[in-house]
């Protein structure tokens, strides 16, 4: 006599509210389905629900992605293009941002004082 194993009532309710769905696919269709599931990061159940319109997929927050990318790019540009000099009085750094008044004053001050290395060499002879 084969005896069914005991199932807790919660398991019975779960199985009743979530019936099993299975199907057979040929190898080509199976591989295509698996590729789509892996690419979308979905389980088979999520994929079926999304196709039925039952599952509301969480879309990425595009505004947050744009904001983060902008801030990352801005920080990279600041680090790459700023000029930093030390204060004569306290020695703490002064950051000179591109196109600021101080930046323009530095350029005006240095204008005419610098040459390319090649130009400097030509002037010696």
PDB file of N, CA and C in Angstrom:
ATOM      1  N   UNK A   1       0.836  -1.173   0.000  1.00  0.00           N
ATOM      2  CA  UNK A   1       0.000   0.000   0.000  1.00  0.00           C
ATOM      3  C   UNK A   1       0.888   1.245   0.000  1.00  0.00           C
ATOM      4  N   UNK A   2       0.713   2.089  -1.002  1.00  0.00           N
ATOM      5  CA  UNK A   2       1.496   3.303  -1.115  1.00  0.00           C
ATOM      6  C   UNK A   2       0.756   4.407  -0.370  1.00  0.00           C
ATOM      7  N   UNK A   3       1.502   5.066   0.493  1.00  0.00           N
ATOM      8  CA  UNK A   3       0.897   6.101   1.317  1.00  0.00           C
ATOM      9  C   UNK A   3       1.383   7.476   0.859  1.00  0.00           C
ATOM     10  N   UNK A   4       0.455   8.423   0.680  1.00  0.00           N
ATOM     11  CA  UNK A   4       0.847   9.776   0.337  1.00  0.00           C
ATOM     12  C   UNK A   4       1.538  10.415   1.525  1.00  0.00           C
ATOM     13  N   UNK A   5       2.573  11.187   1.210  1.00  0.00           N
ATOM     14  CA  UNK A   5       3.257  11.872   2.301  1.00  0.00           C
ATOM     15  C   UNK A   5       2.364  13.005   2.799  1.00  0.00           C
ATOM     16  N   UNK A   6       2.521  13.322   4.046  1.00  0.00           N
ATOM     17  CA  UNK A   6       1.717  14.379   4.641  1.00  0.00           C
ATOM     18  C   UNK A   6       2.173  15.742   4.122  1.00  0.00           C
ATOM     19  N   UNK A   7       1.221  16.567   3.725  1.00  0.00           N
ATOM     20  CA  UNK A   7       1.511  17.928   3.302  1.00  0.00           C
ATOM     21  C   UNK A   7       0.857  18.885   4.289  1.00  0.00           C
ATOM     22  N   UNK A   8       1.601  19.895   4.695  1.00  0.00           N
ATOM     23  CA  UNK A   8       1.007  20.883   5.590  1.00  0.00           C
ATOM     24  C   UNK A   8      -0.121  21.631   4.870  1.00  0.00           C
ATOM     25  N   UNK A   9      -1.087  22.131   5.612  1.00  0.00           N
ATOM     26  CA  UNK A   9      -2.201  22.852   4.981  1.00  0.00           C
ATOM     27  C   UNK A   9      -1.739  24.051   4.142  1.00  0.00           C
ATOM     28  N   UNK A  10      -0.685  24.723   4.577  1.00  0.00           N
ATOM     29  CA  UNK A  10      -0.186  25.876   3.810  1.00  0.00           C
ATOM     30  C   UNK A  10       0.321  25.433   2.438  1.00  0.00           C
ATOM     31  N   UNK A  11       0.953  24.263   2.386  1.00  0.00           N
ATOM     32  CA  UNK A  11       1.455  23.739   1.111  1.00  0.00           C
ATOM     33  C   UNK A  11       0.301  23.371   0.185  1.00  0.00           C
ATOM     34  N   UNK A  12      -0.739  22.794   0.758  1.00  0.00           N
ATOM     35  CA  UNK A  12      -1.921  22.425  -0.034  1.00  0.00           C
ATOM     36  C   UNK A  12      -2.574  23.676  -0.618  1.00  0.00           C
ATOM     37  N   UNK A  13      -2.718  24.730   0.215  1.00  0.00           N
ATOM     38  CA  UNK A  13      -3.304  25.984  -0.275  1.00  0.00           C
ATOM     39  C   UNK A  13      -2.434  26.600  -1.370  1.00  0.00           C
ATOM     40  N   UNK A  14      -1.115  26.559  -1.194  1.00  0.00           N
ATOM     41  CA  UNK A  14      -0.195  27.117  -2.187  1.00  0.00           C
ATOM     42  C   UNK A  14      -0.333  26.382  -3.519  1.00  0.00           C
ATOM     43  N   UNK A  15      -0.341  25.068  -3.481  1.00  0.00           N
ATOM     44  CA  UNK A  15      -0.453  24.281  -4.709  1.00  0.00           C
ATOM     45  C   UNK A  15      -1.789  24.508  -5.402  1.00  0.00           C
ATOM     46  N   UNK A  16      -2.839  24.741  -4.628  1.00  0.00           N
ATOM     47  CA  UNK A  16      -4.146  25.011  -5.223  1.00  0.00           C
ATOM     48  C   UNK A  16      -4.173  26.401  -5.878  1.00  0.00           C
ATOM     49  N   UNK A  17      -3.506  27.363  -5.260  1.00  0.00           N
ATOM     50  CA  UNK A  17      -3.528  28.725  -5.806  1.00  0.00           C
ATOM     51  C   UNK A  17      -2.436  28.953  -6.847  1.00  0.00           C
ATOM     52  N   UNK A  18      -1.487  28.031  -6.963  1.00  0.00           N
ATOM     53  CA  UNK A  18      -0.388  28.134  -7.925  1.00  0.00           C
ATOM     54  C   UNK A  18      -0.212  26.801  -8.658  1.00  0.00           C
ATOM     55  N   UNK A  19      -1.147  26.462  -9.557  1.00  0.00           N
ATOM     56  CA  UNK A  19      -1.030  25.168 -10.246  1.00  0.00           C
ATOM     57  C   UNK A  19       0.196  25.128 -11.164  1.00  0.00           C
ATOM     58  N   UNK A  20       0.718  23.926 -11.353  1.00  0.00           N
ATOM     59  CA  UNK A  20       1.906  23.724 -12.181  1.00  0.00           C
ATOM     60  C   UNK A  20       1.514  23.830 -13.651  1.00  0.00           C
ATOM     61  N   UNK A  21       2.376  24.491 -14.425  1.00  0.00           N
ATOM     62  CA  UNK A  21       2.199  24.590 -15.872  1.00  0.00           C
ATOM     63  C   UNK A  21       3.477  24.064 -16.502  1.00  0.00           C
ATOM     64  N   UNK A  22       3.347  23.128 -17.400  1.00  0.00           N
ATOM     65  CA  UNK A  22       4.527  22.620 -18.096  1.00  0.00           C
ATOM     66  C   UNK A  22       4.182  22.438 -19.561  1.00  0.00           C
ATOM     67  N   UNK A  23       5.222  22.460 -20.379  1.00  0.00           N
ATOM     68  CA  UNK A  23       5.019  22.235 -21.804  1.00  0.00           C
ATOM     69  C   UNK A  23       6.294  21.645 -22.380  1.00  0.00           C
ATOM     70  N   UNK A  24       6.175  21.040 -23.518  1.00  0.00           N
ATOM     71  CA  UNK A  24       7.328  20.487 -24.199  1.00  0.00           C
ATOM     72  C   UNK A  24       7.624  21.335 -25.420  1.00  0.00           C
ATOM     73  N   UNK A  25       8.915  21.624 -25.601  1.00  0.00           N
ATOM     74  CA  UNK A  25       9.364  22.407 -26.744  1.00  0.00           C
ATOM     75  C   UNK A  25      10.441  21.648 -27.482  1.00  0.00           C
ATOM     76  N   UNK A  26      10.551  21.900 -28.773  1.00  0.00           N
ATOM     77  CA  UNK A  26      11.691  21.313 -29.475  1.00  0.00           C
ATOM     78  C   UNK A  26      12.953  22.053 -29.014  1.00  0.00           C
ATOM     79  N   UNK A  27      14.111  21.489 -29.289  1.00  0.00           N
ATOM     80  CA  UNK A  27      15.383  22.018 -28.806  1.00  0.00           C
ATOM     81  C   UNK A  27      15.609  23.460 -29.245  1.00  0.00           C
ATOM     82  N   UNK A  28      15.286  23.773 -30.509  1.00  0.00           N
ATOM     83  CA  UNK A  28      15.505  25.122 -31.045  1.00  0.00           C
ATOM     84  C   UNK A  28      14.650  26.148 -30.293  1.00  0.00           C
ATOM     85  N   UNK A  29      13.367  25.824 -30.093  1.00  0.00           N
ATOM     86  CA  UNK A  29      12.469  26.735 -29.380  1.00  0.00           C
ATOM     87  C   UNK A  29      12.887  26.878 -27.913  1.00  0.00           C
ATOM     88  N   UNK A  30      13.316  25.778 -27.314  1.00  0.00           N
ATOM     89  CA  UNK A  30      13.771  25.806 -25.919  1.00  0.00           C
ATOM     90  C   UNK A  30      14.987  26.711 -25.765  1.00  0.00           C
ATOM     91  N   UNK A  31      15.948  26.554 -26.681  1.00  0.00           N
ATOM     92  CA  UNK A  31      17.167  27.375 -26.608  1.00  0.00           C
ATOM     93  C   UNK A  31      16.848  28.849 -26.817  1.00  0.00           C
ATOM     94  N   UNK A  32      15.928  29.150 -27.748  1.00  0.00           N
ATOM     95  CA  UNK A  32      15.525  30.530 -27.989  1.00  0.00           C
ATOM     96  C   UNK A  32      14.840  31.116 -26.751  1.00  0.00           C
ATOM     97  N   UNK A  33      13.949  30.347 -26.144  1.00  0.00           N
ATOM     98  CA  UNK A  33      13.266  30.807 -24.935  1.00  0.00           C
ATOM     99  C   UNK A  33      14.276  31.055 -23.813  1.00  0.00           C
ATOM    100  N   UNK A  34      15.198  30.128 -23.641  1.00  0.00           N
ATOM    101  CA  UNK A  34      16.201  30.272 -22.576  1.00  0.00           C
ATOM    102  C   UNK A  34      17.070  31.510 -22.805  1.00  0.00           C
ATOM    103  N   UNK A  35      17.412  31.749 -24.061  1.00  0.00           N
ATOM    104  CA  UNK A  35      18.221  32.920 -24.402  1.00  0.00           C
ATOM    105  C   UNK A  35      17.478  34.206 -24.049  1.00  0.00           C
ATOM    106  N   UNK A  36      16.186  34.252 -24.378  1.00  0.00           N
ATOM    107  CA  UNK A  36      15.375  35.439 -24.062  1.00  0.00           C
ATOM    108  C   UNK A  36      15.219  35.612 -22.559  1.00  0.00           C
ATOM    109  N   UNK A  37      15.016  34.519 -21.844  1.00  0.00           N
ATOM    110  CA  UNK A  37      14.871  34.608 -20.387  1.00  0.00           C
ATOM    111  C   UNK A  37      16.162  35.107 -19.750  1.00  0.00           C
ATOM    112  N   UNK A  38      17.291  34.558 -20.194  1.00  0.00           N
ATOM    113  CA  UNK A  38      18.587  34.975 -19.642  1.00  0.00           C
ATOM    114  C   UNK A  38      18.871  36.435 -19.970  1.00  0.00           C
ATOM    115  N   UNK A  39      18.566  36.838 -21.208  1.00  0.00           N
ATOM    116  CA  UNK A  39      18.815  38.216 -21.622  1.00  0.00           C
ATOM    117  C   UNK A  39      17.972  39.219 -20.846  1.00  0.00           C
ATOM    118  N   UNK A  40      16.742  38.831 -20.517  1.00  0.00           N
ATOM    119  CA  UNK A  40      15.840  39.736 -19.805  1.00  0.00           C
ATOM    120  C   UNK A  40      15.982  39.596 -18.293  1.00  0.00           C
ATOM    121  N   UNK A  41      16.681  38.555 -17.845  1.00  0.00           N
ATOM    122  CA  UNK A  41      16.817  38.332 -16.406  1.00  0.00           C
ATOM    123  C   UNK A  41      15.505  37.912 -15.764  1.00  0.00           C
ATOM    124  N   UNK A  42      14.696  37.158 -16.499  1.00  0.00           N
ATOM    125  CA  UNK A  42      13.389  36.738 -16.006  1.00  0.00           C
ATOM    126  C   UNK A  42      13.341  35.235 -15.782  1.00  0.00           C
ATOM    127  N   UNK A  43      12.489  34.819 -14.865  1.00  0.00           N
ATOM    128  CA  UNK A  43      12.198  33.396 -14.720  1.00  0.00           C
ATOM    129  C   UNK A  43      11.125  33.054 -15.760  1.00  0.00           C
ATOM    130  N   UNK A  44      10.880  31.769 -15.948  1.00  0.00           N
ATOM    131  CA  UNK A  44       9.858  31.352 -16.902  1.00  0.00           C
ATOM    132  C   UNK A  44       8.497  31.893 -16.471  1.00  0.00           C
ATOM    133  N   UNK A  45       8.194  31.813 -15.175  1.00  0.00           N
ATOM    134  CA  UNK A  45       6.912  32.311 -14.669  1.00  0.00           C
ATOM    135  C   UNK A  45       6.782  33.822 -14.906  1.00  0.00           C
ATOM    136  N   UNK A  46       7.837  34.568 -14.662  1.00  0.00           N
ATOM    137  CA  UNK A  46       7.792  36.018 -14.895  1.00  0.00           C
ATOM    138  C   UNK A  46       7.577  36.323 -16.375  1.00  0.00           C
ATOM    139  N   UNK A  47       8.220  35.545 -17.245  1.00  0.00           N
ATOM    140  CA  UNK A  47       8.076  35.745 -18.682  1.00  0.00           C
ATOM    141  C   UNK A  47       6.626  35.505 -19.111  1.00  0.00           C
ATOM    142  N   UNK A  48       6.033  34.418 -18.650  1.00  0.00           N
ATOM    143  CA  UNK A  48       4.648  34.109 -19.014  1.00  0.00           C
ATOM    144  C   UNK A  48       3.720  35.204 -18.495  1.00  0.00           C
ATOM    145  N   UNK A  49       3.920  35.615 -17.246  1.00  0.00           N
ATOM    146  CA  UNK A  49       3.074  36.672 -16.670  1.00  0.00           C
ATOM    147  C   UNK A  49       3.224  37.977 -17.440  1.00  0.00           C
ATOM    148  N   UNK A  50       4.450  38.303 -17.852  1.00  0.00           N
ATOM    149  CA  UNK A  50       4.655  39.544 -18.597  1.00  0.00           C
ATOM    150  C   UNK A  50       3.944  39.478 -19.945  1.00  0.00           C
ATOM    151  N   UNK A  51       3.941  38.299 -20.588  1.00  0.00           N
ATOM    152  CA  UNK A  51       3.271  38.151 -21.873  1.00  0.00           C
ATOM    153  C   UNK A  51       1.751  38.211 -21.728  1.00  0.00           C
ATOM    154  N   UNK A  52       1.257  37.814 -20.578  1.00  0.00           N
ATOM    155  CA  UNK A  52      -0.183  37.871 -20.328  1.00  0.00           C
ATOM    156  C   UNK A  52      -0.618  39.246 -19.822  1.00  0.00           C
ATOM    157  N   UNK A  53       0.357  40.088 -19.500  1.00  0.00           N
ATOM    158  CA  UNK A  53       0.037  41.414 -18.963  1.00  0.00           C
ATOM    159  C   UNK A  53      -0.285  41.388 -17.488  1.00  0.00           C
ATOM    160  N   UNK A  54       0.021  40.278 -16.827  1.00  0.00           N
ATOM    161  CA  UNK A  54      -0.270  40.134 -15.401  1.00  0.00           C
ATOM    162  C   UNK A  54       0.862  40.699 -14.555  1.00  0.00           C
ATOM    163  N   UNK A  55       2.081  40.563 -15.040  1.00  0.00           N
ATOM    164  CA  UNK A  55       3.252  41.007 -14.290  1.00  0.00           C
ATOM    165  C   UNK A  55       3.634  42.406 -14.716  1.00  0.00           C
ATOM    166  N   UNK A  56       3.742  43.288 -13.756  1.00  0.00           N
ATOM    167  CA  UNK A  56       4.217  44.638 -14.046  1.00  0.00           C
ATOM    168  C   UNK A  56       5.719  44.628 -13.823  1.00  0.00           C
ATOM    169  N   UNK A  57       6.461  44.660 -14.919  1.00  0.00           N
ATOM    170  CA  UNK A  57       7.915  44.618 -14.811  1.00  0.00           C
ATOM    171  C   UNK A  57       8.431  45.926 -14.259  1.00  0.00           C
ATOM    172  N   UNK A  58       9.407  45.837 -13.400  1.00  0.00           N
ATOM    173  CA  UNK A  58      10.007  47.038 -12.828  1.00  0.00           C
ATOM    174  C   UNK A  58      10.973  47.618 -13.853  1.00  0.00           C
ATOM    175  N   UNK A  59      10.643  48.801 -14.314  1.00  0.00           N
ATOM    176  CA  UNK A  59      11.480  49.474 -15.289  1.00  0.00           C
ATOM    177  C   UNK A  59      12.546  50.272 -14.557  1.00  0.00           C
ATOM    178  N   UNK A  60      13.721  50.379 -15.131  1.00  0.00           N
ATOM    179  CA  UNK A  60      14.769  51.154 -14.469  1.00  0.00           C
ATOM    180  C   UNK A  60      14.375  52.630 -14.401  1.00  0.00           C
ATOM    181  N   UNK A  61      14.821  53.289 -13.347  1.00  0.00           N
ATOM    182  CA  UNK A  61      14.554  54.708 -13.155  1.00  0.00           C
ATOM    183  C   UNK A  61      15.508  55.490 -14.054  1.00  0.00           C
ATOM    184  N   UNK A  62      15.021  55.846 -15.242  1.00  0.00           N
ATOM    185  CA  UNK A  62      15.856  56.499 -16.250  1.00  0.00           C
ATOM    186  C   UNK A  62      16.366  57.841 -15.746  1.00  0.00           C
ATOM    187  N   UNK A  63      15.527  58.594 -15.053  1.00  0.00           N
ATOM    188  CA  UNK A  63      15.942  59.903 -14.526  1.00  0.00           C
ATOM    189  C   UNK A  63      17.104  59.743 -13.558  1.00  0.00           C
ATOM    190  N   UNK A  64      17.034  58.726 -12.697  1.00  0.00           N
ATOM    191  CA  UNK A  64      18.116  58.490 -11.733  1.00  0.00           C
ATOM    192  C   UNK A  64      19.396  58.076 -12.455  1.00  0.00           C
ATOM    193  N   UNK A  65      19.263  57.245 -13.474  1.00  0.00           N
ATOM    194  CA  UNK A  65      20.431  56.815 -14.246  1.00  0.00           C
ATOM    195  C   UNK A  65      21.077  58.021 -14.925  1.00  0.00           C
ATOM    196  N   UNK A  66      20.244  58.881 -15.518  1.00  0.00           N
ATOM    197  CA  UNK A  66      20.776  60.085 -16.166  1.00  0.00           C
ATOM    198  C   UNK A  66      21.470  60.994 -15.159  1.00  0.00           C
ATOM    199  N   UNK A  67      20.836  61.186 -13.997  1.00  0.00           N
ATOM    200  CA  UNK A  67      21.403  62.039 -12.948  1.00  0.00           C
ATOM    201  C   UNK A  67      22.747  61.503 -12.483  1.00  0.00           C
ATOM    202  N   UNK A  68      22.794  60.203 -12.218  1.00  0.00           N
ATOM    203  CA  UNK A  68      24.040  59.576 -11.757  1.00  0.00           C
ATOM    204  C   UNK A  68      25.143  59.691 -12.804  1.00  0.00           C
ATOM    205  N   UNK A  69      24.785  59.459 -14.075  1.00  0.00           N
ATOM    206  CA  UNK A  69      25.773  59.544 -15.150  1.00  0.00           C
ATOM    207  C   UNK A  69      26.286  60.966 -15.295  1.00  0.00           C
ATOM    208  N   UNK A  70      25.380  61.939 -15.194  1.00  0.00           N
ATOM    209  CA  UNK A  70      25.777  63.346 -15.303  1.00  0.00           C
ATOM    210  C   UNK A  70      26.736  63.705 -14.169  1.00  0.00           C
ATOM    211  N   UNK A  71      26.373  63.322 -12.941  1.00  0.00           N
ATOM    212  CA  UNK A  71      27.224  63.644 -11.792  1.00  0.00           C
ATOM    213  C   UNK A  71      28.583  62.969 -11.899  1.00  0.00           C
ATOM    214  N   UNK A  72      28.604  61.740 -12.374  1.00  0.00           N
ATOM    215  CA  UNK A  72      29.869  61.021 -12.528  1.00  0.00           C
ATOM    216  C   UNK A  72      30.737  61.701 -13.585  1.00  0.00           C
ATOM    217  N   UNK A  73      30.123  62.054 -14.712  1.00  0.00           N
ATOM    218  CA  UNK A  73      30.860  62.734 -15.777  1.00  0.00           C
ATOM    219  C   UNK A  73      31.334  64.109 -15.350  1.00  0.00           C
ATOM    220  N   UNK A  74      30.501  64.833 -14.612  1.00  0.00           N
ATOM    221  CA  UNK A  74      30.873  66.168 -14.137  1.00  0.00           C
ATOM    222  C   UNK A  74      32.054  66.072 -13.181  1.00  0.00           C
ATOM    223  N   UNK A  75      31.980  65.120 -12.252  1.00  0.00           N
ATOM    224  CA  UNK A  75      33.074  64.947 -11.287  1.00  0.00           C
ATOM    225  C   UNK A  75      34.376  64.578 -12.003  1.00  0.00           C
ATOM    226  N   UNK A  76      34.280  63.727 -13.032  1.00  0.00           N
ATOM    227  CA  UNK A  76      35.472  63.346 -13.789  1.00  0.00           C
ATOM    228  C   UNK A  76      36.064  64.555 -14.507  1.00  0.00           C
ATOM    229  N   UNK A  77      35.201  65.371 -15.106  1.00  0.00           N
ATOM    230  CA  UNK A  77      35.673  66.558 -15.819  1.00  0.00           C
ATOM    231  C   UNK A  77      36.296  67.564 -14.862  1.00  0.00           C
ATOM    232  N   UNK A  78      35.691  67.751 -13.695  1.00  0.00           N
ATOM    233  CA  UNK A  78      36.252  68.675 -12.708  1.00  0.00           C
ATOM    234  C   UNK A  78      37.643  68.213 -12.310  1.00  0.00           C
ATOM    235  N   UNK A  79      37.790  66.927 -12.025  1.00  0.00           N
ATOM    236  CA  UNK A  79      39.101  66.399 -11.623  1.00  0.00           C
ATOM    237  C   UNK A  79      40.134  66.513 -12.738  1.00  0.00           C
ATOM    238  N   UNK A  80      39.677  66.395 -13.971  1.00  0.00           N
ATOM    239  CA  UNK A  80      40.609  66.407 -15.089  1.00  0.00           C
ATOM    240  C   UNK A  80      40.998  67.817 -15.536  1.00  0.00           C
ATOM    241  N   UNK A  81      40.077  68.772 -15.436  1.00  0.00           N
ATOM    242  CA  UNK A  81      40.317  70.086 -16.026  1.00  0.00           C
ATOM    243  C   UNK A  81      40.475  71.238 -15.030  1.00  0.00           C
ATOM    244  N   UNK A  82      40.297  70.998 -13.756  1.00  0.00           N
ATOM    245  CA  UNK A  82      40.460  72.102 -12.809  1.00  0.00           C
ATOM    246  C   UNK A  82      41.939  72.406 -12.585  1.00  0.00           C
ATOM    247  N   UNK A  83      42.184  73.606 -12.114  1.00  0.00           N
ATOM    248  CA  UNK A  83      43.536  73.999 -11.718  1.00  0.00           C
ATOM    249  C   UNK A  83      43.498  74.159 -10.208  1.00  0.00           C
ATOM    250  N   UNK A  84      44.472  73.606  -9.540  1.00  0.00           N
ATOM    251  CA  UNK A  84      44.496  73.725  -8.085  1.00  0.00           C
ATOM    252  C   UNK A  84      45.841  74.309  -7.663  1.00  0.00           C
ATOM    253  N   UNK A  85      45.789  75.406  -6.933  1.00  0.00           N
ATOM    254  CA  UNK A  85      46.993  76.058  -6.432  1.00  0.00           C
ATOM    255  C   UNK A  85      46.846  76.233  -4.929  1.00  0.00           C
ATOM    256  N   UNK A  86      47.961  76.428  -4.244  1.00  0.00           N
ATOM    257  CA  UNK A  86      47.907  76.608  -2.791  1.00  0.00           C
ATOM    258  C   UNK A  86      47.879  78.085  -2.430  1.00  0.00           C
ATOM    259  N   UNK A  87      47.131  78.404  -1.410  1.00  0.00           N
ATOM    260  CA  UNK A  87      47.027  79.775  -0.904  1.00  0.00           C
ATOM    261  C   UNK A  87      48.380  80.191  -0.320  1.00  0.00           C
ATOM    262  N   UNK A  88      48.801  81.409  -0.622  1.00  0.00           N
ATOM    263  CA  UNK A  88      50.078  81.901  -0.093  1.00  0.00           C
ATOM    264  C   UNK A  88      50.029  82.081   1.419  1.00  0.00           C
ATOM    265  N   UNK A  89      48.854  82.385   1.969  1.00  0.00           N
ATOM    266  CA  UNK A  89      48.734  82.658   3.398  1.00  0.00           C
ATOM    267  C   UNK A  89      48.641  81.385   4.237  1.00  0.00           C
ATOM    268  N   UNK A  90      47.660  80.531   3.912  1.00  0.00           N
ATOM    269  CA  UNK A  90      47.414  79.359   4.765  1.00  0.00           C
ATOM    270  C   UNK A  90      47.904  78.050   4.164  1.00  0.00           C
ATOM    271  N   UNK A  91      48.195  78.026   2.876  1.00  0.00           N
ATOM    272  CA  UNK A  91      48.685  76.814   2.234  1.00  0.00           C
ATOM    273  C   UNK A  91      47.603  75.841   1.800  1.00  0.00           C
ATOM    274  N   UNK A  92      46.325  76.137   2.113  1.00  0.00           N
ATOM    275  CA  UNK A  92      45.227  75.251   1.714  1.00  0.00           C
ATOM    276  C   UNK A  92      44.981  75.415   0.214  1.00  0.00           C
ATOM    277  N   UNK A  93      44.492  74.346  -0.431  1.00  0.00           N
ATOM    278  CA  UNK A  93      44.292  74.422  -1.888  1.00  0.00           C
ATOM    279  C   UNK A  93      43.162  75.367  -2.285  1.00  0.00           C
ATOM    280  N   UNK A  94      43.357  76.032  -3.391  1.00  0.00           N
ATOM    281  CA  UNK A  94      42.340  76.863  -4.026  1.00  0.00           C
ATOM    282  C   UNK A  94      42.038  76.188  -5.358  1.00  0.00           C
ATOM    283  N   UNK A  95      40.781  75.860  -5.580  1.00  0.00           N
ATOM    284  CA  UNK A  95      40.384  75.227  -6.833  1.00  0.00           C
ATOM    285  C   UNK A  95      39.932  76.303  -7.806  1.00  0.00           C
ATOM    286  N   UNK A  96      40.553  76.318  -8.966  1.00  0.00           N
ATOM    287  CA  UNK A  96      40.195  77.262 -10.022  1.00  0.00           C
ATOM    288  C   UNK A  96      39.418  76.477 -11.073  1.00  0.00           C
ATOM    289  N   UNK A  97      38.142  76.784 -11.187  1.00  0.00           N
ATOM    290  CA  UNK A  97      37.294  76.067 -12.131  1.00  0.00           C
ATOM    291  C   UNK A  97      37.474  76.635 -13.536  1.00  0.00           C
ATOM    292  N   UNK A  98      37.346  75.810 -14.561  1.00  0.00           N
ATOM    293  CA  UNK A  98      37.477  76.292 -15.937  1.00  0.00           C
ATOM    294  C   UNK A  98      36.487  77.423 -16.231  1.00  0.00           C
ATOM    295  N   UNK A  99      36.979  78.409 -16.973  1.00  0.00           N
ATOM    296  CA  UNK A  99      36.187  79.556 -17.413  1.00  0.00           C
ATOM    297  C   UNK A  99      35.713  80.467 -16.295  1.00  0.00           C
ATOM    298  N   UNK A 100      36.264  80.306 -15.082  1.00  0.00           N
ATOM    299  CA  UNK A 100      35.935  81.230 -14.001  1.00  0.00           C
ATOM    300  C   UNK A 100      36.759  82.506 -14.186  1.00  0.00           C
ATOM    301  N   UNK A 101      36.454  83.521 -13.421  1.00  0.00           N
ATOM    302  CA  UNK A 101      37.197  84.784 -13.503  1.00  0.00           C
ATOM    303  C   UNK A 101      38.673  84.554 -13.176  1.00  0.00           C
ATOM    304  N   UNK A 102      38.931  83.734 -12.134  1.00  0.00           N
ATOM    305  CA  UNK A 102      40.316  83.473 -11.743  1.00  0.00           C
ATOM    306  C   UNK A 102      41.054  82.723 -12.847  1.00  0.00           C
ATOM    307  N   UNK A 103      40.378  81.796 -13.498  1.00  0.00           N
ATOM    308  CA  UNK A 103      40.962  81.023 -14.591  1.00  0.00           C
ATOM    309  C   UNK A 103      41.390  81.957 -15.722  1.00  0.00           C
ATOM    310  N   UNK A 104      40.495  82.885 -16.071  1.00  0.00           N
ATOM    311  CA  UNK A 104      40.795  83.837 -17.140  1.00  0.00           C
ATOM    312  C   UNK A 104      41.955  84.756 -16.740  1.00  0.00           C
ATOM    313  N   UNK A 105      42.001  85.141 -15.464  1.00  0.00           N
ATOM    314  CA  UNK A 105      43.090  86.003 -14.986  1.00  0.00           C
ATOM    315  C   UNK A 105      44.428  85.273 -15.060  1.00  0.00           C
ATOM    316  N   UNK A 106      44.441  83.996 -14.737  1.00  0.00           N
ATOM    317  CA  UNK A 106      45.677  83.197 -14.815  1.00  0.00           C
ATOM    318  C   UNK A 106      46.143  83.114 -16.262  1.00  0.00           C
ATOM    319  N   UNK A 107      45.215  82.863 -17.174  1.00  0.00           N
ATOM    320  CA  UNK A 107      45.572  82.785 -18.591  1.00  0.00           C
ATOM    321  C   UNK A 107      46.144  84.123 -19.065  1.00  0.00           C
ATOM    322  N   UNK A 108      45.475  85.234 -18.695  1.00  0.00           N
ATOM    323  CA  UNK A 108      45.963  86.557 -19.095  1.00  0.00           C
ATOM    324  C   UNK A 108      47.365  86.809 -18.541  1.00  0.00           C
ATOM    325  N   UNK A 109      47.607  86.396 -17.296  1.00  0.00           N
ATOM    326  CA  UNK A 109      48.910  86.595 -16.661  1.00  0.00           C
ATOM    327  C   UNK A 109      50.009  85.774 -17.352  1.00  0.00           C
ATOM    328  N   UNK A 110      49.683  84.548 -17.753  1.00  0.00           N
ATOM    329  CA  UNK A 110      50.678  83.651 -18.345  1.00  0.00           C
ATOM    330  C   UNK A 110      50.882  83.896 -19.837  1.00  0.00           C
ATOM    331  N   UNK A 111      49.938  84.592 -20.457  1.00  0.00           N
ATOM    332  CA  UNK A 111      50.033  84.849 -21.900  1.00  0.00           C
ATOM    333  C   UNK A 111      51.359  85.530 -22.229  1.00  0.00           C
ATOM    334  N   UNK A 112      52.066  84.998 -23.191  1.00  0.00           N
ATOM    335  CA  UNK A 112      53.331  85.575 -23.615  1.00  0.00           C
ATOM    336  C   UNK A 112      54.534  85.087 -22.833  1.00  0.00           C
ATOM    337  N   UNK A 113      54.325  84.295 -21.785  1.00  0.00           N
ATOM    338  CA  UNK A 113      55.449  83.803 -20.977  1.00  0.00           C
ATOM    339  C   UNK A 113      55.867  82.387 -21.348  1.00  0.00           C
ATOM    340  N   UNK A 114      55.029  81.679 -22.105  1.00  0.00           N
ATOM    341  CA  UNK A 114      55.273  80.268 -22.372  1.00  0.00           C
ATOM    342  C   UNK A 114      55.433  80.022 -23.859  1.00  0.00           C
ATOM    343  N   UNK A 115      56.267  79.042 -24.189  1.00  0.00           N
ATOM    344  CA  UNK A 115      56.479  78.611 -25.578  1.00  0.00           C
ATOM    345  C   UNK A 115      56.402  77.100 -25.653  1.00  0.00           C
ATOM    346  N   UNK A 116      56.119  76.599 -26.863  1.00  0.00           N
ATOM    347  CA  UNK A 116      56.253  75.160 -27.098  1.00  0.00           C
ATOM    348  C   UNK A 116      57.732  74.820 -26.982  1.00  0.00           C
ATOM    349  N   UNK A 117      58.042  73.605 -26.607  1.00  0.00           N
ATOM    350  CA  UNK A 117      59.439  73.178 -26.495  1.00  0.00           C
ATOM    351  C   UNK A 117      60.133  73.306 -27.852  1.00  0.00           C
ATOM    352  N   UNK A 118      59.424  72.929 -28.926  1.00  0.00           N
ATOM    353  CA  UNK A 118      60.017  73.010 -30.259  1.00  0.00           C
ATOM    354  C   UNK A 118      60.301  74.471 -30.645  1.00  0.00           C
ATOM    355  N   UNK A 119      59.386  75.351 -30.312  1.00  0.00           N
ATOM    356  CA  UNK A 119      59.564  76.773 -30.638  1.00  0.00           C
ATOM    357  C   UNK A 119      60.732  77.359 -29.833  1.00  0.00           C
ATOM    358  N   UNK A 120      60.861  76.934 -28.602  1.00  0.00           N
ATOM    359  CA  UNK A 120      61.950  77.403 -27.743  1.00  0.00           C
ATOM    360  C   UNK A 120      63.296  76.975 -28.317  1.00  0.00           C
ATOM    361  N   UNK A 121      63.345  75.731 -28.814  1.00  0.00           N
ATOM    362  CA  UNK A 121      64.585  75.225 -29.405  1.00  0.00           C
ATOM    363  C   UNK A 121      64.962  76.032 -30.648  1.00  0.00           C
ATOM    364  N   UNK A 122      63.979  76.365 -31.489  1.00  0.00           N
ATOM    365  CA  UNK A 122      64.243  77.145 -32.711  1.00  0.00           C
ATOM    366  C   UNK A 122      64.750  78.548 -32.381  1.00  0.00           C
ATOM    367  N   UNK A 123      64.249  79.122 -31.297  1.00  0.00           N
ATOM    368  CA  UNK A 123      64.662  80.478 -30.922  1.00  0.00           C
ATOM    369  C   UNK A 123      66.109  80.515 -30.429  1.00  0.00           C
ATOM    370  N   UNK A 124      66.631  79.425 -29.944  1.00  0.00           N
ATOM    371  CA  UNK A 124      68.009  79.373 -29.442  1.00  0.00           C
ATOM    372  C   UNK A 124      69.010  79.490 -30.562  1.00  0.00           C
ATOM    373  N   UNK A 125      68.656  79.071 -31.752  1.00  0.00           N
ATOM    374  CA  UNK A 125      69.628  79.037 -32.855  1.00  0.00           C
ATOM    375  C   UNK A 125      69.510  80.220 -33.731  1.00  0.00           C
TER     376      UNK A 125
END
